[in-house]
C-alpha atoms as a PDB file:
ATOM      1  CA  MET A   1     -57.953 -39.675 -77.940  1.00  0.00           C
ATOM      2  CA  ARG A   2     -55.894 -37.389 -80.156  1.00  0.00           C
ATOM      3  CA  ASP A   3     -57.344 -34.106 -81.304  1.00  0.00           C
ATOM      4  CA  THR A   4     -56.785 -34.132 -85.075  1.00  0.00           C
ATOM      5  CA  ALA A   5     -58.162 -30.585 -85.384  1.00  0.00           C
ATOM      6  CA  LEU A   6     -54.975 -29.156 -83.901  1.00  0.00           C
ATOM      7  CA  PRO A   7     -52.425 -27.761 -86.357  1.00  0.00           C
ATOM      8  CA  PRO A   8     -49.800 -30.392 -87.217  1.00  0.00           C
ATOM      9  CA  LEU A   9     -46.799 -28.261 -86.258  1.00  0.00           C
ATOM     10  CA  TYR A  10     -48.345 -27.658 -82.859  1.00  0.00           C
ATOM     11  CA  THR A  11     -48.752 -31.379 -82.201  1.00  0.00           C
ATOM     12  CA  ALA A  12     -45.236 -32.037 -83.524  1.00  0.00           C
ATOM     13  CA  SER A  13     -43.657 -29.409 -81.280  1.00  0.00           C
ATOM     14  CA  VAL A  14     -45.277 -28.318 -78.006  1.00  0.00           C
ATOM     15  CA  PRO A  15     -46.258 -31.792 -76.702  1.00  0.00           C
ATOM     16  CA  VAL A  16     -42.810 -33.098 -77.726  1.00  0.00           C
ATOM     17  CA  PHE A  17     -41.133 -30.209 -75.917  1.00  0.00           C
ATOM     18  CA  LEU A  18     -43.222 -30.789 -72.791  1.00  0.00           C
ATOM     19  CA  GLN A  19     -42.198 -34.444 -72.813  1.00  0.00           C
ATOM     20  CA  ALA A  20     -38.513 -33.490 -73.104  1.00  0.00           C
ATOM     21  CA  LEU A  21     -38.896 -31.100 -70.175  1.00  0.00           C
ATOM     22  CA  GLN A  22     -40.552 -33.827 -68.130  1.00  0.00           C
ATOM     23  CA  ARG A  23     -37.638 -36.140 -68.893  1.00  0.00           C
ATOM     24  CA  LEU A  24     -35.156 -33.515 -67.705  1.00  0.00           C
ATOM     25  CA  ARG A  25     -37.149 -32.864 -64.549  1.00  0.00           C
ATOM     26  CA  ASP A  26     -37.296 -36.576 -63.756  1.00  0.00           C
ATOM     27  CA  TRP A  27     -33.576 -37.064 -64.495  1.00  0.00           C
ATOM     28  CA  LEU A  28     -32.743 -34.190 -62.194  1.00  0.00           C
ATOM     29  CA  ALA A  29     -34.733 -35.835 -59.398  1.00  0.00           C
ATOM     30  CA  LEU A  30     -32.888 -39.109 -60.007  1.00  0.00           C
ATOM     31  CA  ALA A  31     -29.556 -37.259 -60.044  1.00  0.00           C
ATOM     32  CA  ASP A  32     -30.406 -35.643 -56.698  1.00  0.00           C
ATOM     33  CA  ALA A  33     -31.397 -38.996 -55.213  1.00  0.00           C
ATOM     34  CA  HIS A  34     -28.194 -40.557 -56.567  1.00  0.00           C
ATOM     35  CA  ALA A  35     -26.075 -37.741 -55.091  1.00  0.00           C
ATOM     36  CA  ALA A  36     -27.745 -38.071 -51.686  1.00  0.00           C
ATOM     37  CA  HIS A  37     -27.296 -41.855 -51.733  1.00  0.00           C
ATOM     38  CA  ALA A  38     -23.651 -41.594 -52.849  1.00  0.00           C
ATOM     39  CA  GLY A  39     -22.871 -38.815 -50.372  1.00  0.00           C
ATOM     40  CA  ILE A  40     -21.802 -36.286 -53.019  1.00  0.00           C
ATOM     41  CA  ALA A  41     -22.871 -32.670 -53.506  1.00  0.00           C
ATOM     42  CA  ALA A  42     -26.237 -32.344 -55.249  1.00  0.00           C
ATOM     43  CA  ASP A  43     -24.771 -29.990 -57.843  1.00  0.00           C
ATOM     44  CA  ALA A  44     -21.900 -32.343 -58.764  1.00  0.00           C
ATOM     45  CA  THR A  45     -23.972 -33.843 -61.570  1.00  0.00           C
ATOM     46  CA  MET A  46     -24.518 -30.363 -63.020  1.00  0.00           C
ATOM     47  CA  ARG A  47     -20.800 -30.395 -63.908  1.00  0.00           C
ATOM     48  CA  ALA A  48     -20.729 -33.942 -65.349  1.00  0.00           C
ATOM     49  CA  ARG A  49     -19.743 -33.972 -69.029  1.00  0.00           C
ATOM     50  CA  PRO A  50     -20.778 -36.441 -71.742  1.00  0.00           C
ATOM     51  CA  ALA A  51     -17.233 -36.072 -73.160  1.00  0.00           C
ATOM     52  CA  ALA A  52     -14.256 -33.956 -72.119  1.00  0.00           C
ATOM     53  CA  ASP A  53     -14.813 -31.401 -74.891  1.00  0.00           C
ATOM     54  CA  MET A  54     -18.596 -31.111 -74.492  1.00  0.00           C
ATOM     55  CA  PHE A  55     -20.749 -28.886 -72.307  1.00  0.00           C
ATOM     56  CA  PRO A  56     -21.609 -30.295 -68.865  1.00  0.00           C
ATOM     57  CA  PHE A  57     -25.050 -31.622 -67.952  1.00  0.00           C
ATOM     58  CA  GLY A  58     -26.212 -28.277 -66.549  1.00  0.00           C
ATOM     59  CA  VAL A  59     -25.471 -26.455 -69.793  1.00  0.00           C
ATOM     60  CA  GLN A  60     -26.853 -29.270 -71.981  1.00  0.00           C
ATOM     61  CA  ALA A  61     -30.074 -29.206 -69.943  1.00  0.00           C
ATOM     62  CA  GLN A  62     -30.276 -25.420 -70.128  1.00  0.00           C
ATOM     63  CA  ILE A  63     -29.929 -25.599 -73.925  1.00  0.00           C
ATOM     64  CA  VAL A  64     -32.767 -28.148 -74.091  1.00  0.00           C
ATOM     65  CA  VAL A  65     -35.039 -25.938 -72.004  1.00  0.00           C
ATOM     66  CA  ASN A  66     -34.203 -22.811 -73.979  1.00  0.00           C
ATOM     67  CA  PHE A  67     -34.554 -24.612 -77.297  1.00  0.00           C
ATOM     68  CA  THR A  68     -38.186 -25.435 -76.528  1.00  0.00           C
ATOM     69  CA  LEU A  69     -38.899 -21.705 -76.349  1.00  0.00           C
ATOM     70  CA  ARG A  70     -36.543 -20.855 -79.198  1.00  0.00           C
ATOM     71  CA  ALA A  71     -38.512 -23.169 -81.498  1.00  0.00           C
ATOM     72  CA  ALA A  72     -42.123 -23.049 -80.312  1.00  0.00           C
ATOM     73  CA  PHE A  73     -42.636 -19.314 -80.106  1.00  0.00           C
ATOM     74  CA  PRO A  74     -41.440 -18.447 -83.635  1.00  0.00           C
ATOM     75  CA  LEU A  75     -43.491 -21.347 -85.012  1.00  0.00           C
ATOM     76  CA  ALA A  76     -46.510 -19.741 -83.329  1.00  0.00           C
ATOM     77  CA  GLY A  77     -45.623 -16.416 -84.957  1.00  0.00           C
ATOM     78  CA  GLN A  78     -44.500 -14.890 -81.653  1.00  0.00           C
ATOM     79  CA  ALA A  79     -41.237 -13.414 -80.467  1.00  0.00           C
ATOM     80  CA  ARG A  80     -39.093 -15.734 -78.402  1.00  0.00           C
ATOM     81  CA  PRO A  81     -39.486 -14.874 -74.728  1.00  0.00           C
ATOM     82  CA  ASP A  82     -36.503 -14.050 -72.577  1.00  0.00           C
ATOM     83  CA  TYR A  83     -34.925 -17.233 -71.237  1.00  0.00           C
ATOM     84  CA  GLY A  84     -34.765 -15.833 -67.715  1.00  0.00           C
ATOM     85  CA  ASP A  85     -31.861 -15.716 -65.302  1.00  0.00           C
ATOM     86  CA  PHE A  86     -31.509 -18.726 -63.018  1.00  0.00           C
ATOM     87  CA  PRO A  87     -28.742 -20.063 -60.787  1.00  0.00           C
ATOM     88  CA  ASP A  88     -26.568 -22.799 -62.309  1.00  0.00           C
ATOM     89  CA  ASP A  89     -27.625 -25.393 -59.760  1.00  0.00           C
ATOM     90  CA  PRO A  90     -30.341 -28.062 -59.547  1.00  0.00           C
ATOM     91  CA  GLU A  91     -32.899 -25.646 -58.086  1.00  0.00           C
ATOM     92  CA  GLY A  92     -32.175 -23.106 -60.804  1.00  0.00           C
ATOM     93  CA  LEU A  93     -32.653 -25.789 -63.459  1.00  0.00           C
ATOM     94  CA  ARG A  94     -35.950 -26.835 -61.870  1.00  0.00           C
ATOM     95  CA  ALA A  95     -37.117 -23.212 -61.939  1.00  0.00           C
ATOM     96  CA  ARG A  96     -35.994 -22.844 -65.572  1.00  0.00           C
ATOM     97  CA  ILE A  97     -37.944 -25.990 -66.524  1.00  0.00           C
ATOM     98  CA  ALA A  98     -41.056 -24.837 -64.642  1.00  0.00           C
ATOM     99  CA  ARG A  99     -40.950 -21.450 -66.357  1.00  0.00           C
ATOM    100  CA  ALA A 100     -40.574 -22.990 -69.813  1.00  0.00           C
ATOM    101  CA  VAL A 101     -43.495 -25.337 -69.150  1.00  0.00           C
ATOM    102  CA  ALA A 102     -45.649 -22.387 -68.071  1.00  0.00           C
ATOM    103  CA  LEU A 103     -44.662 -20.372 -71.152  1.00  0.00           C
ATOM    104  CA  LEU A 104     -45.299 -23.261 -73.539  1.00  0.00           C
ATOM    105  CA  ARG A 105     -48.760 -23.697 -72.010  1.00  0.00           C
ATOM    106  CA  THR A 106     -49.605 -20.086 -72.913  1.00  0.00           C
ATOM    107  CA  LEU A 107     -49.302 -20.820 -76.630  1.00  0.00           C
ATOM    108  CA  ASP A 108     -52.592 -21.083 -78.465  1.00  0.00           C
ATOM    109  CA  PRO A 109     -52.482 -24.203 -80.645  1.00  0.00           C
ATOM    110  CA  GLN A 110     -54.305 -22.324 -83.412  1.00  0.00           C
ATOM    111  CA  ALA A 111     -51.405 -19.851 -83.606  1.00  0.00           C
ATOM    112  CA  PHE A 112     -49.503 -22.719 -85.273  1.00  0.00           C
ATOM    113  CA  ALA A 113     -51.963 -22.831 -88.190  1.00  0.00           C
ATOM    114  CA  GLY A 114     -49.959 -22.179 -91.343  1.00  0.00           C
ATOM    115  CA  ALA A 115     -46.662 -22.447 -89.450  1.00  0.00           C
ATOM    116  CA  GLU A 116     -45.301 -24.822 -92.084  1.00  0.00           C
ATOM    117  CA  ASP A 117     -45.037 -21.844 -94.463  1.00  0.00           C
ATOM    118  CA  ARG A 118     -43.898 -19.300 -91.862  1.00  0.00           C
ATOM    119  CA  ARG A 119     -40.180 -18.478 -92.257  1.00  0.00           C
ATOM    120  CA  VAL A 120     -38.218 -18.998 -89.060  1.00  0.00           C
ATOM    121  CA  SER A 121     -34.704 -17.677 -88.531  1.00  0.00           C
ATOM    122  CA  ASP A 122     -32.186 -18.708 -85.912  1.00  0.00           C
ATOM    123  CA  ARG A 123     -28.466 -18.834 -85.300  1.00  0.00           C
ATOM    124  CA  ALA A 124     -26.897 -22.304 -85.484  1.00  0.00           C
ATOM    125  CA  GLY A 125     -23.370 -21.992 -84.174  1.00  0.00           C
ATOM    126  CA  GLU A 126     -21.796 -19.654 -86.700  1.00  0.00           C
ATOM    127  CA  ALA A 127     -24.470 -20.228 -89.353  1.00  0.00           C
ATOM    128  CA  ASP A 128     -27.688 -18.353 -89.957  1.00  0.00           C
ATOM    129  CA  VAL A 129     -30.710 -20.596 -90.446  1.00  0.00           C
ATOM    130  CA  ASN A 130     -33.820 -19.359 -92.259  1.00  0.00           C
ATOM    131  CA  LEU A 131     -36.291 -22.099 -93.104  1.00  0.00           C
ATOM    132  CA  PRO A 132     -40.009 -22.653 -93.591  1.00  0.00           C
ATOM    133  CA  GLY A 133     -41.582 -23.730 -90.305  1.00  0.00           C
ATOM    134  CA  ASP A 134     -41.963 -27.403 -91.187  1.00  0.00           C
ATOM    135  CA  LEU A 135     -38.293 -27.719 -92.186  1.00  0.00           C
ATOM    136  CA  PHE A 136     -37.208 -25.581 -89.232  1.00  0.00           C
ATOM    137  CA  LEU A 137     -38.897 -28.020 -86.862  1.00  0.00           C
ATOM    138  CA  ARG A 138     -37.979 -31.254 -88.665  1.00  0.00           C
ATOM    139  CA  ASP A 139     -34.420 -30.517 -89.771  1.00  0.00           C
ATOM    140  CA  TYR A 140     -33.208 -28.070 -87.138  1.00  0.00           C
ATOM    141  CA  ALA A 141     -35.223 -27.735 -83.925  1.00  0.00           C
ATOM    142  CA  LEU A 142     -36.018 -31.389 -83.171  1.00  0.00           C
ATOM    143  CA  PRO A 143     -32.540 -32.732 -84.040  1.00  0.00           C
ATOM    144  CA  ASN A 144     -30.952 -30.051 -81.840  1.00  0.00           C
ATOM    145  CA  LEU A 145     -33.371 -30.703 -79.001  1.00  0.00           C
ATOM    146  CA  TYR A 146     -32.644 -34.438 -79.063  1.00  0.00           C
ATOM    147  CA  PHE A 147     -28.895 -33.925 -79.497  1.00  0.00           C
ATOM    148  CA  HIS A 148     -28.686 -31.898 -76.295  1.00  0.00           C
ATOM    149  CA  LEU A 149     -31.198 -34.109 -74.472  1.00  0.00           C
ATOM    150  CA  THR A 150     -29.086 -37.152 -75.358  1.00  0.00           C
ATOM    151  CA  ALA A 151     -25.891 -35.371 -74.297  1.00  0.00           C
ATOM    152  CA  ALA A 152     -27.520 -34.519 -70.949  1.00  0.00           C
ATOM    153  CA  TYR A 153     -28.563 -38.166 -70.526  1.00  0.00           C
ATOM    154  CA  ILE A 154     -25.047 -39.416 -71.333  1.00  0.00           C
ATOM    155  CA  ALA A 155     -23.497 -36.923 -68.891  1.00  0.00           C
ATOM    156  CA  LEU A 156     -25.690 -38.218 -66.063  1.00  0.00           C
ATOM    157  CA  ARG A 157     -25.052 -41.850 -66.981  1.00  0.00           C
ATOM    158  CA  GLY A 158     -21.331 -41.152 -66.960  1.00  0.00           C
ATOM    159  CA  ALA A 159     -21.682 -39.605 -63.501  1.00  0.00           C
ATOM    160  CA  GLY A 160     -23.211 -42.840 -62.234  1.00  0.00           C
ATOM    161  CA  VAL A 161     -26.868 -41.797 -62.216  1.00  0.00           C
ATOM    162  CA  PRO A 162     -28.772 -45.041 -62.851  1.00  0.00           C
ATOM    163  CA  LEU A 163     -30.796 -44.007 -65.890  1.00  0.00           C
ATOM    164  CA  GLY A 164     -32.098 -46.420 -68.492  1.00  0.00           C
ATOM    165  CA  LYS A 165     -33.951 -46.355 -71.794  1.00  0.00           C
ATOM    166  CA  ALA A 166     -37.295 -46.130 -70.002  1.00  0.00           C
ATOM    167  CA  ASP A 167     -36.092 -42.876 -68.445  1.00  0.00           C
ATOM    168  CA  PHE A 168     -35.281 -41.465 -71.873  1.00  0.00           C
ATOM    169  CA  ASP A 169     -38.698 -41.867 -73.456  1.00  0.00           C
ATOM    170  CA  GLY A 170     -40.917 -42.550 -70.455  1.00  0.00           C
ATOM    171  CA  LEU A 171     -42.652 -45.377 -72.330  1.00  0.00           C
ATOM    172  CA  HIS A 172     -40.457 -48.452 -72.088  1.00  0.00           C
ATOM    173  CA  ALA A 173     -40.688 -50.764 -69.095  1.00  0.00           C
ATOM    174  CA  TYR A 174     -37.796 -52.910 -67.894  1.00  0.00           C
ATOM    175  CA  PRO A 175     -36.794 -54.602 -64.649  1.00  0.00           C
ATOM    176  CA  PRO A 176     -35.531 -52.123 -62.018  1.00  0.00           C
ATOM    177  CA  ILE A 177     -32.017 -50.776 -62.500  1.00  0.00           C
ATOM    178  CA  PRO A 178     -29.675 -51.969 -59.725  1.00  0.00           C
ATOM    179  CA  GLY A 179     -28.886 -49.155 -57.325  1.00  0.00           C
ATOM    180  CA  ARG A 180     -31.819 -47.054 -58.491  1.00  0.00           C
ATOM    181  CA  ILE A 181     -33.462 -44.764 -55.991  1.00  0.00           C
ATOM    182  CA  ALA A 182     -37.098 -43.939 -56.814  1.00  0.00           C
ATOM    183  CA  ALA A 183     -37.528 -40.242 -57.494  1.00  0.00           C
ATOM    184  CA  ALA A 184     -40.068 -39.769 -60.303  1.00  0.00           C
ATOM    185  CA  GLN A 185     -42.238 -36.701 -59.875  1.00  0.00           C
ATOM    186  CA  GLY A 186     -45.259 -37.498 -62.051  1.00  0.00           C
ATOM    187  CA  PRO A 187     -46.128 -36.216 -65.503  1.00  0.00           C
ATOM    188  CA  ILE A 188     -46.127 -32.633 -66.698  1.00  0.00           C
ATOM    189  CA  GLN A 189     -49.656 -32.194 -67.940  1.00  0.00           C
ATOM    190  CA  GLY A 190     -50.023 -31.242 -71.577  1.00  0.00           C
ATOM    191  CA  PRO A 191     -51.493 -27.925 -72.660  1.00  0.00           C
ATOM    192  CA  THR A 192     -54.783 -29.310 -73.984  1.00  0.00           C
ATOM    193  CA  GLN A 193     -57.039 -32.230 -73.229  1.00  0.00           C
ATOM    194  CA  GLY A 194     -56.173 -35.347 -75.194  1.00  0.00           C
ATOM    195  CA  ASN A 195     -52.774 -33.944 -76.054  1.00  0.00           C
ATOM    196  CA  GLN A 196     -50.689 -34.807 -73.050  1.00  0.00           C
ATOM    197  CA  ALA A 197     -46.938 -34.990 -73.428  1.00  0.00           C
END
């Protein structure tokens, strides 16, 4: 059952971010299984690009992870934590994801009360963004999160990792993908009861 007493911008951000991080973690496990099965280096998929002029999977995934912190903490009225320094390999990405999950779980949902009116500033490429919290989340943070999550997905698909739509949202169910090696790791538990991502 959903807890309707939680602030709306909390429920529209932190559980969504935790779900995105779970997707990345699961995709990374599938990429590792694919690499082992195909006899290629485990970090080869970290360099796979969705298009020749786009960042590789490893960078796209890093942006997704960092964006969860870059959005959630200011919405909660807190300074963005340091992103941390991790190796640019699958283990480093796993550690980055685990750290972001732990940090997101520290956020008090009630800190998001009134976040819709809180001004949030960020740098978007060469533009400065300064928006009320609700517009920051709706028009900037979520589109950017899903852009980079989709780019990461496309990079892995292009590298031959057998991902499907069910892997993107974790909700759909389809017949098994040919050549798929089971590697799911189980859900990342949400920060509060009844609010799992």
